[in-house]
PDB file of N, CA and C in Angstrom:
ATOM      1  N   MET A   1       0.315  -1.431  -0.001  1.00  0.00           N
ATOM      2  CA  MET A   1      -0.373   0.274  -0.075  1.00  0.00           C
ATOM      3  C   MET A   1       1.195   1.965   1.057  1.00  0.00           C
ATOM      4  N   GLU A   2       0.697   2.675  -1.025  1.00  0.00           N
ATOM      5  CA  GLU A   2       1.026   3.214  -0.496  1.00  0.00           C
ATOM      6  C   GLU A   2       0.763   4.332   0.120  1.00  0.00           C
ATOM      7  N   ILE A   3       2.344   5.097   0.833  1.00  0.00           N
ATOM      8  CA  ILE A   3       1.738   5.986   2.277  1.00  0.00           C
ATOM      9  C   ILE A   3       0.940   6.188   2.102  1.00  0.00           C
ATOM     10  N   ASN A   4       0.515   7.173   1.457  1.00  0.00           N
ATOM     11  CA  ASN A   4      -0.976   8.184   1.427  1.00  0.00           C
ATOM     12  C   ASN A   4      -1.279   8.014   1.635  1.00  0.00           C
ATOM     13  N   ASN A   5      -1.998   6.982   0.481  1.00  0.00           N
ATOM     14  CA  ASN A   5      -2.757   5.842   0.956  1.00  0.00           C
ATOM     15  C   ASN A   5      -3.787   4.623   2.159  1.00  0.00           C
ATOM     16  N   LEU A   6      -2.499   4.359   2.564  1.00  0.00           N
ATOM     17  CA  LEU A   6      -2.492   4.632   4.048  1.00  0.00           C
ATOM     18  C   LEU A   6      -2.411   5.114   4.683  1.00  0.00           C
ATOM     19  N   ILE A   7      -2.787   6.441   5.335  1.00  0.00           N
ATOM     20  CA  ILE A   7      -2.501   8.094   6.146  1.00  0.00           C
ATOM     21  C   ILE A   7      -4.102   8.117   6.366  1.00  0.00           C
ATOM     22  N   LYS A   8      -4.883   8.089   4.469  1.00  0.00           N
ATOM     23  CA  LYS A   8      -6.145   8.240   4.820  1.00  0.00           C
ATOM     24  C   LYS A   8      -7.405   6.747   4.639  1.00  0.00           C
ATOM     25  N   LYS A   9      -6.665   5.573   5.019  1.00  0.00           N
ATOM     26  CA  LYS A   9      -7.269   4.490   5.389  1.00  0.00           C
ATOM     27  C   LYS A   9      -6.993   5.062   7.002  1.00  0.00           C
ATOM     28  N   ILE A  10      -6.438   4.717   7.905  1.00  0.00           N
ATOM     29  CA  ILE A  10      -6.197   4.864   9.001  1.00  0.00           C
ATOM     30  C   ILE A  10      -6.877   7.070   9.658  1.00  0.00           C
ATOM     31  N   LYS A  11      -6.827   7.680   8.783  1.00  0.00           N
ATOM     32  CA  LYS A  11      -7.731   8.319   9.378  1.00  0.00           C
ATOM     33  C   LYS A  11      -9.190   8.547   9.576  1.00  0.00           C
ATOM     34  N   ASN A  12      -9.428   7.922   8.392  1.00  0.00           N
ATOM     35  CA  ASN A  12     -11.117   7.814   8.135  1.00  0.00           C
ATOM     36  C   ASN A  12     -11.477   6.869   9.125  1.00  0.00           C
ATOM     37  N   LYS A  13     -10.109   5.835   8.994  1.00  0.00           N
ATOM     38  CA  LYS A  13     -11.214   4.746  10.057  1.00  0.00           C
ATOM     39  C   LYS A  13     -11.281   5.205  11.856  1.00  0.00           C
ATOM     40  N   ILE A  14     -10.733   6.060  11.681  1.00  0.00           N
ATOM     41  CA  ILE A  14      -9.973   7.099  14.029  1.00  0.00           C
ATOM     42  C   ILE A  14     -11.324   7.423  13.285  1.00  0.00           C
ATOM     43  N   CYS A  15     -11.531   8.720  12.264  1.00  0.00           N
ATOM     44  CA  CYS A  15     -13.171   9.708  12.970  1.00  0.00           C
ATOM     45  C   CYS A  15     -13.593   9.107  12.099  1.00  0.00           C
ATOM     46  N   ASN A  16     -14.655   7.621  12.336  1.00  0.00           N
ATOM     47  CA  ASN A  16     -15.441   7.516  12.267  1.00  0.00           C
ATOM     48  C   ASN A  16     -15.631   6.552  13.291  1.00  0.00           C
ATOM     49  N   LYS A  17     -14.672   6.495  14.269  1.00  0.00           N
ATOM     50  CA  LYS A  17     -15.235   5.544  15.169  1.00  0.00           C
ATOM     51  C   LYS A  17     -14.740   6.444  16.596  1.00  0.00           C
ATOM     52  N   ILE A  18     -14.107   7.217  16.058  1.00  0.00           N
ATOM     53  CA  ILE A  18     -13.816   8.831  17.694  1.00  0.00           C
ATOM     54  C   ILE A  18     -14.667  10.416  16.866  1.00  0.00           C
ATOM     55  N   LYS A  19     -14.790  10.865  17.672  1.00  0.00           N
ATOM     56  CA  LYS A  19     -14.814  12.165  17.544  1.00  0.00           C
ATOM     57  C   LYS A  19     -13.744  13.018  17.944  1.00  0.00           C
ATOM     58  N   CYS A  20     -13.049  13.261  16.986  1.00  0.00           N
ATOM     59  CA  CYS A  20     -11.889  13.986  16.462  1.00  0.00           C
ATOM     60  C   CYS A  20     -12.085  16.032  16.288  1.00  0.00           C
ATOM     61  N   GLU A  21     -11.560  16.592  16.781  1.00  0.00           N
ATOM     62  CA  GLU A  21     -11.636  17.573  16.806  1.00  0.00           C
ATOM     63  C   GLU A  21     -10.398  17.499  15.417  1.00  0.00           C
ATOM     64  N   LYS A  22      -9.253  16.829  15.807  1.00  0.00           N
ATOM     65  CA  LYS A  22      -8.155  17.296  15.614  1.00  0.00           C
ATOM     66  C   LYS A  22      -7.754  15.745  15.424  1.00  0.00           C
ATOM     67  N   ILE A  23      -6.870  15.669  13.926  1.00  0.00           N
ATOM     68  CA  ILE A  23      -5.729  14.450  13.761  1.00  0.00           C
ATOM     69  C   ILE A  23      -4.795  14.730  12.509  1.00  0.00           C
ATOM     70  N   LEU A  24      -3.499  14.349  13.027  1.00  0.00           N
ATOM     71  CA  LEU A  24      -2.211  14.948  12.227  1.00  0.00           C
ATOM     72  C   LEU A  24      -1.845  13.689  11.917  1.00  0.00           C
ATOM     73  N   ILE A  25      -1.763  12.246  11.042  1.00  0.00           N
ATOM     74  CA  ILE A  25      -0.659  11.946  11.210  1.00  0.00           C
ATOM     75  C   ILE A  25       0.251  11.839   9.760  1.00  0.00           C
ATOM     76  N   GLU A  26       1.734  11.664  10.088  1.00  0.00           N
ATOM     77  CA  GLU A  26       3.274  11.571   9.527  1.00  0.00           C
ATOM     78  C   GLU A  26       3.939  10.149   9.138  1.00  0.00           C
ATOM     79  N   ASP A  27       4.382  10.301   8.354  1.00  0.00           N
ATOM     80  CA  ASP A  27       4.876   9.275   8.084  1.00  0.00           C
ATOM     81  C   ASP A  27       6.888   9.491   8.783  1.00  0.00           C
ATOM     82  N   LYS A  28       6.855   8.287   9.148  1.00  0.00           N
ATOM     83  CA  LYS A  28       7.786   8.199  10.077  1.00  0.00           C
ATOM     84  C   LYS A  28       9.155   7.189   9.512  1.00  0.00           C
ATOM     85  N   THR A  29       8.686   6.433   8.655  1.00  0.00           N
ATOM     86  CA  THR A  29       9.007   5.341   8.368  1.00  0.00           C
ATOM     87  C   THR A  29      10.897   5.067   8.134  1.00  0.00           C
ATOM     88  N   TYR A  30      10.657   7.166   7.977  1.00  0.00           N
ATOM     89  CA  TYR A  30      12.649   6.955   7.316  1.00  0.00           C
ATOM     90  C   TYR A  30      13.225   6.757   8.611  1.00  0.00           C
ATOM     91  N   LEU A  31      12.716   6.861   9.523  1.00  0.00           N
ATOM     92  CA  LEU A  31      13.089   6.662  11.369  1.00  0.00           C
ATOM     93  C   LEU A  31      13.760   5.269  11.803  1.00  0.00           C
ATOM     94  N   HIS A  32      12.655   4.173  10.728  1.00  0.00           N
ATOM     95  CA  HIS A  32      13.559   2.728  10.691  1.00  0.00           C
ATOM     96  C   HIS A  32      14.757   2.155   9.198  1.00  0.00           C
ATOM     97  N   LYS A  33      14.499   2.803   8.439  1.00  0.00           N
ATOM     98  CA  LYS A  33      15.550   1.643   6.624  1.00  0.00           C
ATOM     99  C   LYS A  33      16.426   1.711   7.421  1.00  0.00           C
ATOM    100  N   LYS A  34      17.525   2.577   8.789  1.00  0.00           N
ATOM    101  CA  LYS A  34      19.005   0.931   8.007  1.00  0.00           C
ATOM    102  C   LYS A  34      19.258   0.506   9.813  1.00  0.00           C
ATOM    103  N   HIS A  35      17.075   0.083   9.810  1.00  0.00           N
ATOM    104  CA  HIS A  35      17.292  -1.295  10.915  1.00  0.00           C
ATOM    105  C   HIS A  35      17.582  -2.619  10.105  1.00  0.00           C
ATOM    106  N   LYS A  36      18.251  -3.453  11.194  1.00  0.00           N
ATOM    107  CA  LYS A  36      18.359  -5.374  10.609  1.00  0.00           C
ATOM    108  C   LYS A  36      16.704  -5.564   9.710  1.00  0.00           C
ATOM    109  N   ASN A  37      16.356  -5.648  10.204  1.00  0.00           N
ATOM    110  CA  ASN A  37      14.824  -6.077  10.487  1.00  0.00           C
ATOM    111  C   ASN A  37      13.581  -4.748   8.838  1.00  0.00           C
ATOM    112  N   PHE A  38      14.515  -3.980   8.323  1.00  0.00           N
ATOM    113  CA  PHE A  38      13.057  -3.278   8.166  1.00  0.00           C
ATOM    114  C   PHE A  38      12.423  -3.668   6.627  1.00  0.00           C
ATOM    115  N   ASP A  39      11.408  -3.468   6.446  1.00  0.00           N
ATOM    116  CA  ASP A  39      10.628  -4.069   5.459  1.00  0.00           C
ATOM    117  C   ASP A  39      10.130  -2.732   4.944  1.00  0.00           C
ATOM    118  N   PRO A  40      10.378  -2.823   3.681  1.00  0.00           N
ATOM    119  CA  PRO A  40      10.326  -1.656   2.808  1.00  0.00           C
ATOM    120  C   PRO A  40       8.155  -1.348   2.753  1.00  0.00           C
ATOM    121  N   LYS A  41       7.558  -2.401   2.709  1.00  0.00           N
ATOM    122  CA  LYS A  41       6.172  -2.640   2.766  1.00  0.00           C
ATOM    123  C   LYS A  41       6.343  -2.164   4.322  1.00  0.00           C
ATOM    124  N   LYS A  42       6.348  -1.410   5.272  1.00  0.00           N
ATOM    125  CA  LYS A  42       5.730  -1.042   6.261  1.00  0.00           C
ATOM    126  C   LYS A  42       6.475  -0.105   7.266  1.00  0.00           C
ATOM    127  N   PHE A  43       4.960   0.386   7.447  1.00  0.00           N
ATOM    128  CA  PHE A  43       5.774   1.895   7.855  1.00  0.00           C
ATOM    129  C   PHE A  43       5.261   2.372   9.152  1.00  0.00           C
ATOM    130  N   HIS A  44       6.368   3.615   9.317  1.00  0.00           N
ATOM    131  CA  HIS A  44       6.431   4.022  11.436  1.00  0.00           C
ATOM    132  C   HIS A  44       5.494   5.464  10.486  1.00  0.00           C
ATOM    133  N   ILE A  45       4.505   5.712  11.766  1.00  0.00           N
ATOM    134  CA  ILE A  45       3.086   6.350  11.338  1.00  0.00           C
ATOM    135  C   ILE A  45       3.184   7.317  13.745  1.00  0.00           C
ATOM    136  N   LYS A  46       2.778   7.731  13.102  1.00  0.00           N
ATOM    137  CA  LYS A  46       2.931   9.236  13.786  1.00  0.00           C
ATOM    138  C   LYS A  46       1.673  10.271  13.911  1.00  0.00           C
ATOM    139  N   ILE A  47       0.852   9.352  14.738  1.00  0.00           N
ATOM    140  CA  ILE A  47      -0.575  10.514  15.112  1.00  0.00           C
ATOM    141  C   ILE A  47      -0.692  11.556  16.105  1.00  0.00           C
ATOM    142  N   ILE A  48      -1.113  12.473  15.653  1.00  0.00           N
ATOM    143  CA  ILE A  48      -1.846  13.012  16.478  1.00  0.00           C
ATOM    144  C   ILE A  48      -2.964  13.297  16.725  1.00  0.00           C
ATOM    145  N   LEU A  49      -3.369  13.168  17.672  1.00  0.00           N
ATOM    146  CA  LEU A  49      -4.651  13.278  17.739  1.00  0.00           C
ATOM    147  C   LEU A  49      -6.024  13.933  18.828  1.00  0.00           C
ATOM    148  N   GLU A  50      -6.925  14.848  18.910  1.00  0.00           N
ATOM    149  CA  GLU A  50      -7.355  15.556  19.538  1.00  0.00           C
ATOM    150  C   GLU A  50      -8.311  15.017  19.638  1.00  0.00           C
ATOM    151  N   SER A  51      -9.543  14.392  20.806  1.00  0.00           N
ATOM    152  CA  SER A  51     -10.627  13.927  21.327  1.00  0.00           C
ATOM    153  C   SER A  51     -10.749  14.117  22.335  1.00  0.00           C
ATOM    154  N   SER A  52     -12.175  15.189  22.485  1.00  0.00           N
ATOM    155  CA  SER A  52     -12.656  15.495  23.575  1.00  0.00           C
ATOM    156  C   SER A  52     -13.446  14.182  24.374  1.00  0.00           C
ATOM    157  N   GLU A  53     -13.968  13.224  23.614  1.00  0.00           N
ATOM    158  CA  GLU A  53     -14.457  11.667  23.423  1.00  0.00           C
ATOM    159  C   GLU A  53     -13.291  11.011  24.482  1.00  0.00           C
ATOM    160  N   LEU A  54     -12.273  10.723  24.123  1.00  0.00           N
ATOM    161  CA  LEU A  54     -11.403  10.234  24.964  1.00  0.00           C
ATOM    162  C   LEU A  54     -10.619  10.816  26.249  1.00  0.00           C
ATOM    163  N   LYS A  55     -11.194  11.181  26.534  1.00  0.00           N
ATOM    164  CA  LYS A  55     -11.684  12.691  28.498  1.00  0.00           C
ATOM    165  C   LYS A  55     -11.781  12.037  29.023  1.00  0.00           C
ATOM    166  N   THR A  56     -12.862  10.448  28.197  1.00  0.00           N
ATOM    167  CA  THR A  56     -13.660  10.144  30.061  1.00  0.00           C
ATOM    168  C   THR A  56     -12.628   8.552  29.899  1.00  0.00           C
ATOM    169  N   LYS A  57     -11.878   8.607  28.755  1.00  0.00           N
ATOM    170  CA  LYS A  57     -10.341   7.358  28.653  1.00  0.00           C
ATOM    171  C   LYS A  57      -9.496   7.197  29.535  1.00  0.00           C
ATOM    172  N   LYS A  58      -8.920   6.435  30.549  1.00  0.00           N
ATOM    173  CA  LYS A  58      -7.438   6.818  30.992  1.00  0.00           C
ATOM    174  C   LYS A  58      -7.061   6.988  29.939  1.00  0.00           C
ATOM    175  N   LYS A  59      -5.673   7.008  29.619  1.00  0.00           N
ATOM    176  CA  LYS A  59      -4.819   6.681  28.884  1.00  0.00           C
ATOM    177  C   LYS A  59      -4.642   5.904  28.218  1.00  0.00           C
ATOM    178  N   ILE A  60      -4.327   4.526  28.569  1.00  0.00           N
ATOM    179  CA  ILE A  60      -4.082   2.928  28.253  1.00  0.00           C
ATOM    180  C   ILE A  60      -5.087   2.976  27.207  1.00  0.00           C
ATOM    181  N   GLU A  61      -6.179   3.562  28.662  1.00  0.00           N
ATOM    182  CA  GLU A  61      -7.772   2.158  27.358  1.00  0.00           C
ATOM    183  C   GLU A  61      -6.974   3.065  26.521  1.00  0.00           C
ATOM    184  N   ALA A  62      -7.183   4.781  26.044  1.00  0.00           N
ATOM    185  CA  ALA A  62      -7.625   5.247  24.317  1.00  0.00           C
ATOM    186  C   ALA A  62      -6.504   4.925  23.752  1.00  0.00           C
ATOM    187  N   ASN A  63      -5.758   4.647  24.265  1.00  0.00           N
ATOM    188  CA  ASN A  63      -4.150   3.993  23.251  1.00  0.00           C
ATOM    189  C   ASN A  63      -5.034   2.729  22.925  1.00  0.00           C
ATOM    190  N   LYS A  64      -5.083   1.674  23.946  1.00  0.00           N
ATOM    191  CA  LYS A  64      -5.710   0.474  23.582  1.00  0.00           C
ATOM    192  C   LYS A  64      -7.252   0.923  22.801  1.00  0.00           C
ATOM    193  N   TYR A  65      -7.994   1.022  22.377  1.00  0.00           N
ATOM    194  CA  TYR A  65      -8.908   1.761  22.018  1.00  0.00           C
ATOM    195  C   TYR A  65      -8.257   1.524  20.418  1.00  0.00           C
ATOM    196  N   ILE A  66      -7.640   3.065  20.140  1.00  0.00           N
ATOM    197  CA  ILE A  66      -6.475   3.720  18.865  1.00  0.00           C
ATOM    198  C   ILE A  66      -5.946   1.825  18.053  1.00  0.00           C
ATOM    199  N   PHE A  67      -5.288   1.183  18.595  1.00  0.00           N
ATOM    200  CA  PHE A  67      -5.336   0.538  18.514  1.00  0.00           C
ATOM    201  C   PHE A  67      -6.353  -0.490  17.481  1.00  0.00           C
ATOM    202  N   SER A  68      -6.956  -1.270  18.965  1.00  0.00           N
ATOM    203  CA  SER A  68      -8.110  -1.696  18.774  1.00  0.00           C
ATOM    204  C   SER A  68      -8.578  -1.323  16.853  1.00  0.00           C
ATOM    205  N   ILE A  69      -9.149  -0.244  17.552  1.00  0.00           N
ATOM    206  CA  ILE A  69      -9.500   0.504  15.461  1.00  0.00           C
ATOM    207  C   ILE A  69      -8.583   0.475  13.785  1.00  0.00           C
ATOM    208  N   LEU A  70      -7.449   0.320  14.598  1.00  0.00           N
ATOM    209  CA  LEU A  70      -6.037   0.433  13.439  1.00  0.00           C
ATOM    210  C   LEU A  70      -5.477  -1.470  13.417  1.00  0.00           C
ATOM    211  N   GLU A  71      -5.985  -2.422  13.546  1.00  0.00           N
ATOM    212  CA  GLU A  71      -5.528  -3.969  14.050  1.00  0.00           C
ATOM    213  C   GLU A  71      -5.289  -4.636  12.707  1.00  0.00           C
ATOM    214  N   GLN A  72      -6.028  -4.769  11.324  1.00  0.00           N
ATOM    215  CA  GLN A  72      -5.956  -4.992  10.680  1.00  0.00           C
ATOM    216  C   GLN A  72      -4.983  -3.777   9.981  1.00  0.00           C
ATOM    217  N   GLU A  73      -4.591  -2.244  10.043  1.00  0.00           N
ATOM    218  CA  GLU A  73      -3.776  -1.994   9.466  1.00  0.00           C
ATOM    219  C   GLU A  73      -2.146  -2.664  10.328  1.00  0.00           C
ATOM    220  N   LEU A  74      -2.175  -2.825  11.066  1.00  0.00           N
ATOM    221  CA  LEU A  74      -0.773  -3.086  12.502  1.00  0.00           C
ATOM    222  C   LEU A  74      -0.041  -4.015  11.161  1.00  0.00           C
ATOM    223  N   LYS A  75      -1.152  -5.263  11.385  1.00  0.00           N
ATOM    224  CA  LYS A  75      -0.573  -6.500  11.258  1.00  0.00           C
ATOM    225  C   LYS A  75      -0.055  -6.187   9.693  1.00  0.00           C
ATOM    226  N   VAL A  76      -0.719  -5.209   9.246  1.00  0.00           N
ATOM    227  CA  VAL A  76      -0.287  -5.860   6.983  1.00  0.00           C
ATOM    228  C   VAL A  76       0.488  -4.930   7.067  1.00  0.00           C
ATOM    229  N   HIS A  77       0.469  -3.396   7.542  1.00  0.00           N
ATOM    230  CA  HIS A  77       1.155  -1.851   7.001  1.00  0.00           C
ATOM    231  C   HIS A  77       2.169  -1.430   7.688  1.00  0.00           C
ATOM    232  N   ILE A  78       2.131  -1.355   9.187  1.00  0.00           N
ATOM    233  CA  ILE A  78       2.582  -1.087  10.162  1.00  0.00           C
ATOM    234  C   ILE A  78       3.274  -1.634  10.673  1.00  0.00           C
ATOM    235  N   HIS A  79       4.782  -0.415  10.527  1.00  0.00           N
ATOM    236  CA  HIS A  79       5.474  -1.477  11.539  1.00  0.00           C
ATOM    237  C   HIS A  79       5.619  -1.153  12.958  1.00  0.00           C
ATOM    238  N   SER A  80       5.230   0.632  13.143  1.00  0.00           N
ATOM    239  CA  SER A  80       5.790   0.616  14.498  1.00  0.00           C
ATOM    240  C   SER A  80       4.370   2.874  14.257  1.00  0.00           C
ATOM    241  N   ILE A  81       3.958   2.764  15.540  1.00  0.00           N
ATOM    242  CA  ILE A  81       3.246   3.714  15.790  1.00  0.00           C
ATOM    243  C   ILE A  81       3.850   4.718  17.512  1.00  0.00           C
ATOM    244  N   GLN A  82       3.783   6.156  16.442  1.00  0.00           N
ATOM    245  CA  GLN A  82       3.683   7.565  17.701  1.00  0.00           C
ATOM    246  C   GLN A  82       1.910   7.989  17.763  1.00  0.00           C
ATOM    247  N   LEU A  83       2.104   7.528  19.075  1.00  0.00           N
ATOM    248  CA  LEU A  83       0.605   7.870  19.807  1.00  0.00           C
ATOM    249  C   LEU A  83       0.412   9.045  20.414  1.00  0.00           C
ATOM    250  N   HIS A  84      -0.077  10.454  20.360  1.00  0.00           N
ATOM    251  CA  HIS A  84      -0.222  11.030  20.900  1.00  0.00           C
ATOM    252  C   HIS A  84      -1.285  11.323  20.993  1.00  0.00           C
ATOM    253  N   ILE A  85      -1.940  11.767  22.018  1.00  0.00           N
ATOM    254  CA  ILE A  85      -3.396  11.380  21.754  1.00  0.00           C
ATOM    255  C   ILE A  85      -3.311  12.753  23.186  1.00  0.00           C
ATOM    256  N   ASN A  86      -4.141  14.002  22.221  1.00  0.00           N
ATOM    257  CA  ASN A  86      -4.084  14.745  23.281  1.00  0.00           C
ATOM    258  C   ASN A  86      -5.370  14.644  23.980  1.00  0.00           C
ATOM    259  N   GLN A  87      -5.734  14.980  25.319  1.00  0.00           N
ATOM    260  CA  GLN A  87      -7.209  14.696  25.044  1.00  0.00           C
ATOM    261  C   GLN A  87      -8.177  16.489  26.466  1.00  0.00           C
ATOM    262  N   ARG A  88      -8.595  16.524  25.493  1.00  0.00           N
ATOM    263  CA  ARG A  88      -9.855  17.915  25.611  1.00  0.00           C
ATOM    264  C   ARG A  88     -10.372  17.802  26.825  1.00  0.00           C
ATOM    265  N   ASN A  89     -10.681  19.498  26.651  1.00  0.00           N
ATOM    266  CA  ASN A  89     -11.177  19.431  28.112  1.00  0.00           C
ATOM    267  C   ASN A  89     -13.003  20.171  27.439  1.00  0.00           C
TER     268      ASN A  89
END
């Protein structure tokens, strides 16, 4: 999968499940290119998410929820995720 398509897919999946005031998704794959087990078919993604909906959840619960939404992408297309959740009031 091409990175821009993956980013669109991730954004759509998250926004369909969670009310997001702001979502930013970046490709950080370059951080892994020199690693021994680097796979060019898998990406390193950084997600910055702002959601008042997630403010009712503990940080670990919010992280697990995002990871469950992206379960299939994690198996097939994502090597690593940096997840930053800003829980707005």
